[in-house]
Amino acid sequence: MTEPFTVGTGTSLVEGDLTVPADAAGVVVFAHGSGSSRHSPRNQAVARTLQDHRFATLLFDMLSSEEERAEAAGGRLRFDIGLLRDRLLRALDDLGRHSAVAGLPVGLFGASTGAAAALGAAAARPDVVRAVVSRGGRPDLAEEVLSDVRCPVLLVVGGQDDTVRRLNKAAAARLPGDRELLVVPGAGHLFEEPGTLEQVADAAAGWFDRHLGPGGDHTFAR
């Protein structure tokens, strides 16, 4: 079942979609990258795979409609990692009060700049965020908090995305907890090559199965 889910930003609301399968084992919140939205076909494809694995998913627009218009005129909010992290933290707070998912273990899935926001949120809420997956992420943009991320982190990069692969390798070395760098052969930054996005989705599902699944002792701590 999918329902609208609004996230308060302090000055306005941003729109989202919360999908909760029957007998959900956890909830995964998506943080999209620059130039994207909750309608990202890549994130929606990953979300469907996670739903098949009994994970609820929340995809939401990290900028309001007014902010989107400002971005179109040359704004830079999509690269304001602190702002994106704070939006993600507000989404986590709102989820904690939602009866359909309260009590479920929580993971974050970040893409591009959204991955930096996800790592920042994980560092800020170690009692809430139990696992993070990054797709083609920019963890270097969260460099100052990497040593504070205690949850397991999976970094997925394309084999042809040389610069981002180097950035992720350096970030993995700085993460103190359980972490893994997965390089998808033949994939570029957007994983548009046939079969590569499916590998991302399967890897993410496996990571969340391991760290949020029913065999663990993780709870949505408040």
N, C-alpha and C. Protein backbone atom coordinates (compact mmCIF):
# COMPACT_ATOMS: atom_id res chain seq x y z
N MET A 1 0.84 -1.19 0.00
CA MET A 1 0.00 0.00 0.00
C MET A 1 0.88 1.25 0.00
N THR A 2 0.59 2.18 -0.91
CA THR A 2 1.32 3.43 -1.00
C THR A 2 0.41 4.58 -0.59
N GLU A 3 0.95 5.47 0.23
CA GLU A 3 0.18 6.62 0.68
C GLU A 3 1.05 7.87 0.62
N PRO A 4 0.43 9.05 0.45
CA PRO A 4 1.21 10.30 0.48
C PRO A 4 1.83 10.49 1.86
N PHE A 5 3.02 11.07 1.87
CA PHE A 5 3.73 11.31 3.13
C PHE A 5 4.43 12.65 3.01
N THR A 6 4.02 13.62 3.80
CA THR A 6 4.63 14.94 3.76
C THR A 6 5.66 15.07 4.88
N VAL A 7 6.74 15.76 4.56
CA VAL A 7 7.82 16.00 5.52
C VAL A 7 7.91 17.49 5.78
N GLY A 8 7.83 17.90 7.04
CA GLY A 8 7.97 19.30 7.38
C GLY A 8 9.41 19.73 7.33
N THR A 9 9.68 20.88 6.72
CA THR A 9 11.05 21.39 6.62
C THR A 9 11.32 22.54 7.57
N GLY A 10 10.32 22.93 8.35
CA GLY A 10 10.46 24.09 9.20
C GLY A 10 9.80 25.32 8.61
N THR A 11 9.90 25.48 7.29
CA THR A 11 9.29 26.62 6.61
C THR A 11 8.23 26.20 5.61
N SER A 12 8.24 24.93 5.20
CA SER A 12 7.29 24.45 4.20
C SER A 12 7.20 22.94 4.32
N LEU A 13 6.50 22.33 3.38
CA LEU A 13 6.35 20.88 3.33
C LEU A 13 6.92 20.35 2.02
N VAL A 14 7.49 19.14 2.08
CA VAL A 14 7.90 18.47 0.85
C VAL A 14 7.11 17.18 0.74
N GLU A 15 6.85 16.76 -0.48
CA GLU A 15 5.97 15.63 -0.72
C GLU A 15 6.75 14.33 -0.82
N GLY A 16 6.11 13.26 -0.37
CA GLY A 16 6.74 11.94 -0.45
C GLY A 16 5.71 10.85 -0.65
N ASP A 17 6.22 9.65 -0.88
CA ASP A 17 5.37 8.46 -1.05
C ASP A 17 5.91 7.36 -0.14
N LEU A 18 5.05 6.90 0.76
CA LEU A 18 5.41 5.83 1.69
C LEU A 18 4.68 4.56 1.26
N THR A 19 5.46 3.52 0.96
CA THR A 19 4.90 2.22 0.58
C THR A 19 5.23 1.21 1.67
N VAL A 20 4.20 0.57 2.20
CA VAL A 20 4.38 -0.38 3.30
C VAL A 20 3.80 -1.72 2.88
N PRO A 21 4.65 -2.71 2.58
CA PRO A 21 4.14 -4.04 2.25
C PRO A 21 3.62 -4.75 3.49
N ALA A 22 2.83 -5.78 3.28
CA ALA A 22 2.34 -6.56 4.42
C ALA A 22 3.53 -7.19 5.15
N ASP A 23 3.44 -7.21 6.48
CA ASP A 23 4.49 -7.83 7.31
C ASP A 23 5.86 -7.22 7.03
N ALA A 24 5.91 -5.89 6.94
CA ALA A 24 7.18 -5.21 6.66
C ALA A 24 8.21 -5.54 7.73
N ALA A 25 9.45 -5.81 7.28
CA ALA A 25 10.53 -6.17 8.20
C ALA A 25 11.39 -4.98 8.57
N GLY A 26 11.23 -3.86 7.87
CA GLY A 26 12.02 -2.66 8.12
C GLY A 26 11.54 -1.57 7.19
N VAL A 27 12.13 -0.39 7.32
CA VAL A 27 11.78 0.73 6.44
C VAL A 27 13.06 1.37 5.94
N VAL A 28 13.09 1.67 4.64
CA VAL A 28 14.25 2.28 4.01
C VAL A 28 13.84 3.65 3.46
N VAL A 29 14.58 4.68 3.85
CA VAL A 29 14.32 6.04 3.40
C VAL A 29 15.33 6.38 2.32
N PHE A 30 14.84 6.91 1.20
CA PHE A 30 15.69 7.25 0.07
C PHE A 30 16.07 8.72 0.09
N ALA A 31 17.32 8.99 -0.21
CA ALA A 31 17.81 10.36 -0.37
C ALA A 31 18.38 10.48 -1.77
N HIS A 32 17.66 11.16 -2.66
CA HIS A 32 18.08 11.22 -4.06
C HIS A 32 19.16 12.27 -4.26
N GLY A 33 19.77 12.21 -5.41
CA GLY A 33 20.87 13.12 -5.72
C GLY A 33 20.42 14.40 -6.38
N SER A 34 21.39 15.22 -6.75
CA SER A 34 21.10 16.51 -7.36
C SER A 34 20.36 16.31 -8.68
N GLY A 35 19.40 17.20 -8.93
CA GLY A 35 18.65 17.15 -10.18
C GLY A 35 17.61 16.06 -10.24
N SER A 36 17.29 15.41 -9.11
CA SER A 36 16.35 14.31 -9.11
C SER A 36 15.18 14.62 -8.18
N SER A 37 14.31 13.61 -7.98
CA SER A 37 13.14 13.78 -7.13
C SER A 37 12.67 12.41 -6.69
N ARG A 38 11.54 12.37 -5.97
CA ARG A 38 11.00 11.07 -5.56
C ARG A 38 10.55 10.23 -6.74
N HIS A 39 10.43 10.85 -7.91
CA HIS A 39 10.01 10.14 -9.11
C HIS A 39 11.19 9.53 -9.88
N SER A 40 12.38 9.60 -9.34
CA SER A 40 13.55 9.02 -10.01
C SER A 40 13.29 7.58 -10.41
N PRO A 41 13.36 7.25 -11.70
CA PRO A 41 13.08 5.86 -12.11
C PRO A 41 14.08 4.87 -11.53
N ARG A 42 15.33 5.31 -11.32
CA ARG A 42 16.32 4.40 -10.75
C ARG A 42 16.00 4.09 -9.29
N ASN A 43 15.71 5.11 -8.50
CA ASN A 43 15.37 4.85 -7.10
C ASN A 43 14.06 4.09 -6.98
N GLN A 44 13.11 4.37 -7.85
CA GLN A 44 11.85 3.64 -7.80
C GLN A 44 12.06 2.16 -8.12
N ALA A 45 12.97 1.87 -9.04
CA ALA A 45 13.26 0.48 -9.37
C ALA A 45 13.89 -0.23 -8.17
N VAL A 46 14.83 0.44 -7.50
CA VAL A 46 15.43 -0.17 -6.31
C VAL A 46 14.37 -0.34 -5.22
N ALA A 47 13.51 0.65 -5.07
CA ALA A 47 12.46 0.58 -4.05
C ALA A 47 11.55 -0.62 -4.27
N ARG A 48 11.21 -0.92 -5.53
CA ARG A 48 10.34 -2.06 -5.80
C ARG A 48 11.01 -3.37 -5.38
N THR A 49 12.32 -3.48 -5.62
CA THR A 49 13.04 -4.68 -5.18
C THR A 49 13.02 -4.79 -3.67
N LEU A 50 13.23 -3.67 -2.98
CA LEU A 50 13.20 -3.69 -1.51
C LEU A 50 11.82 -4.06 -0.99
N GLN A 51 10.79 -3.56 -1.65
CA GLN A 51 9.43 -3.91 -1.24
C GLN A 51 9.18 -5.41 -1.40
N ASP A 52 9.75 -6.00 -2.45
CA ASP A 52 9.63 -7.44 -2.65
C ASP A 52 10.31 -8.22 -1.53
N HIS A 53 11.28 -7.57 -0.88
CA HIS A 53 11.98 -8.17 0.27
C HIS A 53 11.35 -7.75 1.60
N ARG A 54 10.13 -7.22 1.54
CA ARG A 54 9.35 -6.88 2.74
C ARG A 54 9.89 -5.65 3.47
N PHE A 55 10.46 -4.71 2.72
CA PHE A 55 10.87 -3.45 3.33
C PHE A 55 9.92 -2.33 2.88
N ALA A 56 9.43 -1.58 3.84
CA ALA A 56 8.71 -0.35 3.51
C ALA A 56 9.71 0.65 2.94
N THR A 57 9.25 1.52 2.06
CA THR A 57 10.14 2.52 1.46
C THR A 57 9.49 3.90 1.52
N LEU A 58 10.32 4.90 1.76
CA LEU A 58 9.88 6.29 1.69
C LEU A 58 10.77 7.02 0.69
N LEU A 59 10.14 7.50 -0.39
CA LEU A 59 10.81 8.37 -1.34
C LEU A 59 10.16 9.74 -1.23
N PHE A 60 10.96 10.77 -1.02
CA PHE A 60 10.38 12.11 -0.88
C PHE A 60 11.24 13.15 -1.57
N ASP A 61 10.60 14.24 -1.95
CA ASP A 61 11.30 15.35 -2.58
C ASP A 61 12.06 16.11 -1.50
N MET A 62 13.35 16.24 -1.64
CA MET A 62 14.14 16.87 -0.60
C MET A 62 14.08 18.39 -0.65
N LEU A 63 13.51 18.93 -1.73
CA LEU A 63 13.29 20.37 -1.86
C LEU A 63 11.81 20.64 -2.09
N SER A 64 11.35 21.76 -1.58
CA SER A 64 9.96 22.17 -1.79
C SER A 64 9.78 22.70 -3.21
N SER A 65 8.54 22.90 -3.63
CA SER A 65 8.29 23.40 -4.98
C SER A 65 8.89 24.79 -5.17
N GLU A 66 8.84 25.63 -4.11
CA GLU A 66 9.45 26.96 -4.19
C GLU A 66 10.96 26.86 -4.34
N GLU A 67 11.56 25.94 -3.60
CA GLU A 67 13.01 25.76 -3.72
C GLU A 67 13.40 25.20 -5.07
N GLU A 68 12.55 24.33 -5.62
CA GLU A 68 12.81 23.80 -6.96
C GLU A 68 12.84 24.92 -7.99
N ARG A 69 11.92 25.87 -7.85
CA ARG A 69 11.90 27.00 -8.78
C ARG A 69 13.16 27.84 -8.63
N ALA A 70 13.61 28.01 -7.40
CA ALA A 70 14.85 28.77 -7.17
C ALA A 70 16.05 28.04 -7.77
N GLU A 71 16.03 26.71 -7.68
CA GLU A 71 17.12 25.93 -8.27
C GLU A 71 17.15 26.10 -9.78
N ALA A 72 15.98 26.12 -10.39
CA ALA A 72 15.90 26.29 -11.84
C ALA A 72 16.48 27.63 -12.27
N ALA A 73 16.47 28.59 -11.34
CA ALA A 73 17.00 29.92 -11.65
C ALA A 73 18.48 30.04 -11.29
N GLY A 74 19.10 28.91 -10.92
CA GLY A 74 20.53 28.93 -10.66
C GLY A 74 20.92 28.73 -9.21
N GLY A 75 20.03 28.20 -8.39
CA GLY A 75 20.34 27.97 -6.99
C GLY A 75 21.29 26.80 -6.80
N ARG A 76 21.76 26.61 -5.55
CA ARG A 76 22.72 25.55 -5.24
C ARG A 76 22.29 24.71 -4.05
N LEU A 77 21.00 24.72 -3.72
CA LEU A 77 20.55 23.97 -2.56
C LEU A 77 20.79 22.48 -2.69
N ARG A 78 20.78 21.97 -3.90
CA ARG A 78 20.96 20.53 -4.10
C ARG A 78 22.35 20.07 -3.69
N PHE A 79 23.25 21.00 -3.51
CA PHE A 79 24.61 20.66 -3.06
C PHE A 79 24.86 21.13 -1.63
N ASP A 80 23.80 21.57 -0.95
CA ASP A 80 23.89 21.96 0.46
C ASP A 80 23.67 20.71 1.29
N ILE A 81 24.74 19.99 1.60
CA ILE A 81 24.62 18.70 2.26
C ILE A 81 24.01 18.83 3.65
N GLY A 82 24.34 19.91 4.35
CA GLY A 82 23.74 20.13 5.67
C GLY A 82 22.24 20.26 5.60
N LEU A 83 21.74 20.99 4.62
CA LEU A 83 20.30 21.14 4.45
C LEU A 83 19.65 19.81 4.10
N LEU A 84 20.26 19.06 3.17
CA LEU A 84 19.69 17.77 2.78
C LEU A 84 19.70 16.79 3.95
N ARG A 85 20.77 16.82 4.74
CA ARG A 85 20.82 15.95 5.92
C ARG A 85 19.70 16.29 6.90
N ASP A 86 19.48 17.59 7.11
CA ASP A 86 18.43 18.00 8.04
C ASP A 86 17.05 17.59 7.54
N ARG A 87 16.83 17.63 6.23
CA ARG A 87 15.55 17.18 5.67
C ARG A 87 15.38 15.68 5.94
N LEU A 88 16.46 14.94 5.79
CA LEU A 88 16.41 13.51 6.04
C LEU A 88 16.13 13.23 7.52
N LEU A 89 16.72 14.00 8.40
CA LEU A 89 16.47 13.82 9.83
C LEU A 89 15.02 14.12 10.18
N ARG A 90 14.45 15.13 9.54
CA ARG A 90 13.03 15.43 9.77
C ARG A 90 12.15 14.29 9.28
N ALA A 91 12.52 13.70 8.15
CA ALA A 91 11.76 12.55 7.65
C ALA A 91 11.82 11.39 8.65
N LEU A 92 12.99 11.16 9.23
CA LEU A 92 13.12 10.11 10.23
C LEU A 92 12.25 10.40 11.45
N ASP A 93 12.23 11.65 11.88
CA ASP A 93 11.39 12.01 13.01
C ASP A 93 9.91 11.77 12.71
N ASP A 94 9.50 12.16 11.50
CA ASP A 94 8.09 11.98 11.13
C ASP A 94 7.74 10.50 11.01
N LEU A 95 8.67 9.70 10.49
CA LEU A 95 8.42 8.27 10.39
C LEU A 95 8.27 7.63 11.76
N GLY A 96 9.04 8.13 12.73
CA GLY A 96 8.98 7.57 14.07
C GLY A 96 7.63 7.75 14.74
N ARG A 97 6.83 8.67 14.20
CA ARG A 97 5.49 8.91 14.74
C ARG A 97 4.39 8.30 13.88
N HIS A 98 4.78 7.57 12.84
CA HIS A 98 3.79 7.00 11.91
C HIS A 98 3.49 5.57 12.33
N SER A 99 2.23 5.28 12.57
CA SER A 99 1.85 3.99 13.14
C SER A 99 2.20 2.81 12.24
N ALA A 100 2.26 3.03 10.92
CA ALA A 100 2.51 1.91 10.00
C ALA A 100 3.95 1.41 10.05
N VAL A 101 4.88 2.26 10.51
CA VAL A 101 6.29 1.86 10.48
C VAL A 101 7.00 2.05 11.82
N ALA A 102 6.34 2.66 12.80
CA ALA A 102 6.96 2.84 14.11
C ALA A 102 7.35 1.47 14.67
N GLY A 103 8.56 1.37 15.18
CA GLY A 103 9.04 0.11 15.72
C GLY A 103 9.85 -0.71 14.74
N LEU A 104 9.88 -0.31 13.46
CA LEU A 104 10.65 -1.04 12.46
C LEU A 104 12.09 -0.53 12.42
N PRO A 105 13.05 -1.42 12.17
CA PRO A 105 14.44 -0.96 11.98
C PRO A 105 14.54 -0.13 10.71
N VAL A 106 15.46 0.83 10.71
CA VAL A 106 15.53 1.85 9.66
C VAL A 106 16.86 1.78 8.92
N GLY A 107 16.77 1.85 7.60
CA GLY A 107 17.95 1.98 6.75
C GLY A 107 17.81 3.19 5.84
N LEU A 108 18.93 3.62 5.28
CA LEU A 108 18.95 4.75 4.35
C LEU A 108 19.59 4.31 3.04
N PHE A 109 19.01 4.77 1.94
CA PHE A 109 19.56 4.52 0.61
C PHE A 109 19.81 5.88 -0.04
N GLY A 110 21.07 6.21 -0.26
CA GLY A 110 21.41 7.50 -0.82
C GLY A 110 22.08 7.38 -2.17
N ALA A 111 21.76 8.31 -3.09
CA ALA A 111 22.36 8.34 -4.41
C ALA A 111 23.03 9.69 -4.63
N SER A 112 24.22 9.66 -5.20
CA SER A 112 24.95 10.88 -5.54
C SER A 112 25.11 11.76 -4.29
N THR A 113 24.70 13.03 -4.35
CA THR A 113 24.83 13.90 -3.18
C THR A 113 23.93 13.43 -2.03
N GLY A 114 22.85 12.72 -2.36
CA GLY A 114 21.98 12.20 -1.31
C GLY A 114 22.68 11.19 -0.43
N ALA A 115 23.72 10.52 -0.95
CA ALA A 115 24.48 9.58 -0.14
C ALA A 115 25.23 10.31 0.96
N ALA A 116 25.75 11.50 0.67
CA ALA A 116 26.43 12.28 1.70
C ALA A 116 25.44 12.69 2.79
N ALA A 117 24.23 13.07 2.37
CA ALA A 117 23.20 13.42 3.35
C ALA A 117 22.84 12.21 4.20
N ALA A 118 22.77 11.02 3.58
CA ALA A 118 22.45 9.80 4.32
C ALA A 118 23.52 9.48 5.36
N LEU A 119 24.78 9.62 4.98
CA LEU A 119 25.86 9.36 5.92
C LEU A 119 25.85 10.39 7.05
N GLY A 120 25.53 11.64 6.72
CA GLY A 120 25.42 12.65 7.77
C GLY A 120 24.30 12.35 8.74
N ALA A 121 23.17 11.88 8.22
CA ALA A 121 22.04 11.52 9.09
C ALA A 121 22.38 10.30 9.94
N ALA A 122 23.10 9.34 9.37
CA ALA A 122 23.50 8.16 10.14
C ALA A 122 24.43 8.54 11.28
N ALA A 123 25.33 9.48 11.02
CA ALA A 123 26.24 9.94 12.07
C ALA A 123 25.48 10.68 13.17
N ALA A 124 24.45 11.44 12.77
CA ALA A 124 23.69 12.23 13.73
C ALA A 124 22.71 11.39 14.54
N ARG A 125 22.24 10.27 13.98
CA ARG A 125 21.24 9.43 14.64
C ARG A 125 21.69 7.97 14.72
N PRO A 126 22.76 7.70 15.44
CA PRO A 126 23.24 6.31 15.51
C PRO A 126 22.26 5.38 16.20
N ASP A 127 21.33 5.93 16.99
CA ASP A 127 20.33 5.10 17.67
C ASP A 127 19.16 4.76 16.76
N VAL A 128 19.09 5.39 15.60
CA VAL A 128 17.96 5.19 14.69
C VAL A 128 18.37 4.48 13.41
N VAL A 129 19.43 4.96 12.76
CA VAL A 129 19.83 4.43 11.45
C VAL A 129 20.69 3.19 11.65
N ARG A 130 20.23 2.06 11.11
CA ARG A 130 20.90 0.78 11.33
C ARG A 130 21.74 0.32 10.15
N ALA A 131 21.56 0.90 8.97
CA ALA A 131 22.36 0.51 7.81
C ALA A 131 22.18 1.57 6.73
N VAL A 132 23.23 1.73 5.91
CA VAL A 132 23.21 2.69 4.80
C VAL A 132 23.72 1.99 3.55
N VAL A 133 23.05 2.28 2.42
CA VAL A 133 23.53 1.88 1.10
C VAL A 133 23.69 3.13 0.26
N SER A 134 24.82 3.25 -0.41
CA SER A 134 25.10 4.38 -1.29
C SER A 134 25.23 3.89 -2.72
N ARG A 135 24.51 4.54 -3.65
CA ARG A 135 24.61 4.20 -5.07
C ARG A 135 25.27 5.36 -5.81
N GLY A 136 26.47 5.12 -6.35
CA GLY A 136 27.16 6.18 -7.07
C GLY A 136 27.27 7.43 -6.22
N GLY A 137 27.55 7.24 -4.93
CA GLY A 137 27.48 8.34 -3.97
C GLY A 137 28.71 9.22 -3.93
N ARG A 138 28.55 10.33 -3.23
CA ARG A 138 29.65 11.27 -2.98
C ARG A 138 29.92 11.35 -1.48
N PRO A 139 30.46 10.27 -0.88
CA PRO A 139 30.73 10.29 0.54
C PRO A 139 31.78 11.33 0.93
N ASP A 140 32.59 11.76 -0.04
CA ASP A 140 33.58 12.80 0.25
C ASP A 140 32.92 14.10 0.70
N LEU A 141 31.66 14.31 0.31
CA LEU A 141 30.96 15.53 0.72
C LEU A 141 30.49 15.46 2.17
N ALA A 142 30.63 14.29 2.79
CA ALA A 142 30.35 14.13 4.22
C ALA A 142 31.63 13.77 4.97
N GLU A 143 32.75 14.19 4.44
CA GLU A 143 34.05 13.76 4.94
C GLU A 143 34.23 14.01 6.44
N GLU A 144 33.68 15.12 6.92
CA GLU A 144 33.92 15.49 8.32
C GLU A 144 33.18 14.60 9.31
N VAL A 145 32.21 13.80 8.86
CA VAL A 145 31.45 12.96 9.79
C VAL A 145 31.66 11.47 9.54
N LEU A 146 32.47 11.09 8.57
CA LEU A 146 32.62 9.68 8.24
C LEU A 146 33.07 8.86 9.45
N SER A 147 33.95 9.40 10.26
CA SER A 147 34.44 8.66 11.42
C SER A 147 33.38 8.48 12.49
N ASP A 148 32.25 9.19 12.36
CA ASP A 148 31.16 9.09 13.34
C ASP A 148 30.06 8.13 12.90
N VAL A 149 30.18 7.56 11.70
CA VAL A 149 29.16 6.65 11.19
C VAL A 149 29.42 5.26 11.76
N ARG A 150 28.54 4.78 12.62
CA ARG A 150 28.75 3.51 13.30
C ARG A 150 28.01 2.34 12.66
N CYS A 151 27.01 2.62 11.83
CA CYS A 151 26.22 1.53 11.26
C CYS A 151 26.93 0.94 10.04
N PRO A 152 26.53 -0.25 9.61
CA PRO A 152 27.11 -0.86 8.41
C PRO A 152 26.79 -0.04 7.15
N VAL A 153 27.78 0.11 6.28
CA VAL A 153 27.64 0.93 5.07
C VAL A 153 28.09 0.13 3.86
N LEU A 154 27.22 0.07 2.85
CA LEU A 154 27.56 -0.53 1.56
C LEU A 154 27.70 0.58 0.53
N LEU A 155 28.88 0.68 -0.08
CA LEU A 155 29.14 1.69 -1.11
C LEU A 155 29.17 0.98 -2.46
N VAL A 156 28.23 1.31 -3.34
CA VAL A 156 28.13 0.68 -4.66
C VAL A 156 28.51 1.71 -5.72
N VAL A 157 29.50 1.37 -6.54
CA VAL A 157 29.96 2.28 -7.59
C VAL A 157 30.10 1.52 -8.90
N GLY A 158 30.05 2.25 -9.99
CA GLY A 158 30.23 1.65 -11.31
C GLY A 158 31.70 1.47 -11.64
N GLY A 159 32.01 0.38 -12.29
CA GLY A 159 33.39 0.11 -12.66
C GLY A 159 33.96 1.13 -13.62
N GLN A 160 33.10 1.81 -14.39
CA GLN A 160 33.55 2.82 -15.35
C GLN A 160 33.51 4.23 -14.76
N ASP A 161 33.08 4.35 -13.52
CA ASP A 161 32.94 5.67 -12.87
C ASP A 161 34.21 5.93 -12.05
N ASP A 162 35.31 6.21 -12.75
CA ASP A 162 36.63 6.20 -12.13
C ASP A 162 36.77 7.18 -10.97
N THR A 163 36.34 8.42 -11.17
CA THR A 163 36.53 9.42 -10.12
C THR A 163 35.73 9.07 -8.87
N VAL A 164 34.46 8.72 -9.06
CA VAL A 164 33.62 8.38 -7.91
C VAL A 164 34.11 7.10 -7.24
N ARG A 165 34.62 6.17 -8.03
CA ARG A 165 35.16 4.94 -7.43
C ARG A 165 36.34 5.26 -6.51
N ARG A 166 37.23 6.16 -6.93
CA ARG A 166 38.36 6.54 -6.08
C ARG A 166 37.88 7.24 -4.81
N LEU A 167 36.89 8.11 -4.95
CA LEU A 167 36.35 8.82 -3.78
C LEU A 167 35.73 7.85 -2.79
N ASN A 168 35.03 6.84 -3.30
CA ASN A 168 34.39 5.87 -2.42
C ASN A 168 35.42 4.96 -1.75
N LYS A 169 36.47 4.62 -2.47
CA LYS A 169 37.52 3.80 -1.86
C LYS A 169 38.17 4.53 -0.71
N ALA A 170 38.43 5.82 -0.88
CA ALA A 170 39.02 6.61 0.19
C ALA A 170 38.06 6.74 1.37
N ALA A 171 36.76 6.91 1.08
CA ALA A 171 35.77 7.03 2.16
C ALA A 171 35.64 5.73 2.93
N ALA A 172 35.67 4.60 2.23
CA ALA A 172 35.54 3.31 2.89
C ALA A 172 36.66 3.11 3.91
N ALA A 173 37.84 3.61 3.59
CA ALA A 173 38.97 3.46 4.51
C ALA A 173 38.78 4.27 5.78
N ARG A 174 37.90 5.27 5.74
CA ARG A 174 37.69 6.13 6.90
C ARG A 174 36.48 5.73 7.73
N LEU A 175 35.65 4.88 7.19
CA LEU A 175 34.48 4.44 7.95
C LEU A 175 34.91 3.43 9.02
N PRO A 176 34.52 3.64 10.27
CA PRO A 176 35.06 2.80 11.35
C PRO A 176 34.37 1.46 11.53
N GLY A 177 33.15 1.32 11.03
CA GLY A 177 32.38 0.11 11.28
C GLY A 177 32.41 -0.85 10.10
N ASP A 178 31.41 -1.73 10.06
CA ASP A 178 31.26 -2.70 8.98
C ASP A 178 30.98 -1.95 7.68
N ARG A 179 31.84 -2.11 6.70
CA ARG A 179 31.62 -1.43 5.42
C ARG A 179 32.13 -2.31 4.29
N GLU A 180 31.56 -2.06 3.13
CA GLU A 180 31.93 -2.85 1.95
C GLU A 180 31.85 -1.95 0.73
N LEU A 181 32.81 -2.06 -0.15
CA LEU A 181 32.81 -1.35 -1.42
C LEU A 181 32.54 -2.36 -2.53
N LEU A 182 31.42 -2.17 -3.22
CA LEU A 182 31.04 -3.07 -4.31
C LEU A 182 31.17 -2.32 -5.63
N VAL A 183 32.01 -2.83 -6.50
CA VAL A 183 32.21 -2.25 -7.83
C VAL A 183 31.45 -3.10 -8.84
N VAL A 184 30.51 -2.48 -9.55
CA VAL A 184 29.71 -3.18 -10.56
C VAL A 184 30.43 -3.07 -11.91
N PRO A 185 30.96 -4.16 -12.44
CA PRO A 185 31.73 -4.10 -13.70
C PRO A 185 30.90 -3.53 -14.84
N GLY A 186 31.52 -2.66 -15.62
CA GLY A 186 30.89 -2.14 -16.83
C GLY A 186 29.88 -1.04 -16.60
N ALA A 187 29.62 -0.67 -15.35
CA ALA A 187 28.60 0.34 -15.06
C ALA A 187 29.19 1.73 -15.00
N GLY A 188 28.42 2.71 -15.49
CA GLY A 188 28.78 4.11 -15.35
C GLY A 188 28.16 4.70 -14.11
N HIS A 189 28.18 6.02 -14.01
CA HIS A 189 27.72 6.69 -12.80
C HIS A 189 26.24 6.45 -12.53
N LEU A 190 25.43 6.41 -13.58
CA LEU A 190 23.98 6.29 -13.42
C LEU A 190 23.47 4.86 -13.53
N PHE A 191 24.36 3.90 -13.74
CA PHE A 191 23.96 2.49 -13.85
C PHE A 191 22.87 2.29 -14.90
N GLU A 192 23.11 2.90 -16.06
CA GLU A 192 22.15 2.80 -17.15
C GLU A 192 22.40 1.58 -18.04
N GLU A 193 23.54 0.94 -17.89
CA GLU A 193 23.87 -0.21 -18.72
C GLU A 193 22.98 -1.40 -18.36
N PRO A 194 22.63 -2.24 -19.33
CA PRO A 194 21.70 -3.35 -19.07
C PRO A 194 22.16 -4.23 -17.90
N GLY A 195 21.26 -4.45 -16.98
CA GLY A 195 21.51 -5.35 -15.86
C GLY A 195 22.25 -4.75 -14.68
N THR A 196 22.83 -3.56 -14.84
CA THR A 196 23.66 -3.02 -13.75
C THR A 196 22.81 -2.49 -12.59
N LEU A 197 21.69 -1.84 -12.90
CA LEU A 197 20.85 -1.34 -11.82
C LEU A 197 20.23 -2.49 -11.03
N GLU A 198 19.93 -3.58 -11.72
CA GLU A 198 19.41 -4.76 -11.02
C GLU A 198 20.44 -5.29 -10.02
N GLN A 199 21.72 -5.21 -10.37
CA GLN A 199 22.76 -5.63 -9.43
C GLN A 199 22.79 -4.72 -8.21
N VAL A 200 22.60 -3.42 -8.42
CA VAL A 200 22.53 -2.49 -7.29
C VAL A 200 21.36 -2.85 -6.38
N ALA A 201 20.19 -3.06 -6.98
CA ALA A 201 19.00 -3.35 -6.20
C ALA A 201 19.15 -4.65 -5.41
N ASP A 202 19.70 -5.67 -6.04
CA ASP A 202 19.90 -6.94 -5.35
C ASP A 202 20.90 -6.80 -4.20
N ALA A 203 21.98 -6.04 -4.45
CA ALA A 203 22.97 -5.84 -3.40
C ALA A 203 22.38 -5.07 -2.23
N ALA A 204 21.58 -4.04 -2.53
CA ALA A 204 20.95 -3.26 -1.47
C ALA A 204 19.99 -4.13 -0.66
N ALA A 205 19.20 -4.94 -1.35
CA ALA A 205 18.26 -5.82 -0.65
C ALA A 205 19.01 -6.79 0.25
N GLY A 206 20.11 -7.33 -0.25
CA GLY A 206 20.89 -8.25 0.57
C GLY A 206 21.49 -7.58 1.79
N TRP A 207 21.96 -6.34 1.61
CA TRP A 207 22.55 -5.59 2.74
C TRP A 207 21.49 -5.31 3.81
N PHE A 208 20.32 -4.86 3.37
CA PHE A 208 19.27 -4.56 4.35
C PHE A 208 18.70 -5.85 4.95
N ASP A 209 18.63 -6.92 4.17
CA ASP A 209 18.21 -8.21 4.73
C ASP A 209 19.13 -8.60 5.89
N ARG A 210 20.43 -8.39 5.68
CA ARG A 210 21.40 -8.80 6.68
C ARG A 210 21.34 -7.93 7.94
N HIS A 211 21.15 -6.62 7.75
CA HIS A 211 21.29 -5.70 8.88
C HIS A 211 19.97 -5.18 9.45
N LEU A 212 18.88 -5.34 8.69
CA LEU A 212 17.58 -4.91 9.20
C LEU A 212 16.61 -6.08 9.33
N GLY A 213 17.00 -7.24 8.85
CA GLY A 213 16.08 -8.36 8.76
C GLY A 213 15.60 -8.89 10.09
N PRO A 214 14.63 -9.77 10.07
CA PRO A 214 13.99 -10.24 11.30
C PRO A 214 14.92 -11.01 12.23
N GLY A 215 16.07 -11.46 11.71
CA GLY A 215 16.98 -12.18 12.59
C GLY A 215 17.79 -11.27 13.50
N GLY A 216 17.76 -9.95 13.23
CA GLY A 216 18.55 -9.02 14.03
C GLY A 216 17.80 -8.53 15.25
N ASP A 217 18.51 -7.77 16.06
CA ASP A 217 17.90 -7.24 17.28
C ASP A 217 17.71 -5.74 17.19
N HIS A 218 17.65 -5.20 15.94
CA HIS A 218 17.56 -3.76 15.75
C HIS A 218 16.12 -3.28 15.92
N THR A 219 15.98 -2.14 16.55
CA THR A 219 14.67 -1.52 16.71
C THR A 219 14.77 -0.04 16.35
N PHE A 220 13.62 0.56 16.10
CA PHE A 220 13.57 1.99 15.81
C PHE A 220 13.60 2.72 17.15
N ALA A 221 14.81 3.02 17.62
CA ALA A 221 14.95 3.64 18.96
C ALA A 221 14.60 5.12 18.89
N ARG A 222 13.93 5.59 19.91
CA ARG A 222 13.57 7.01 19.99
C ARG A 222 14.16 7.58 21.27
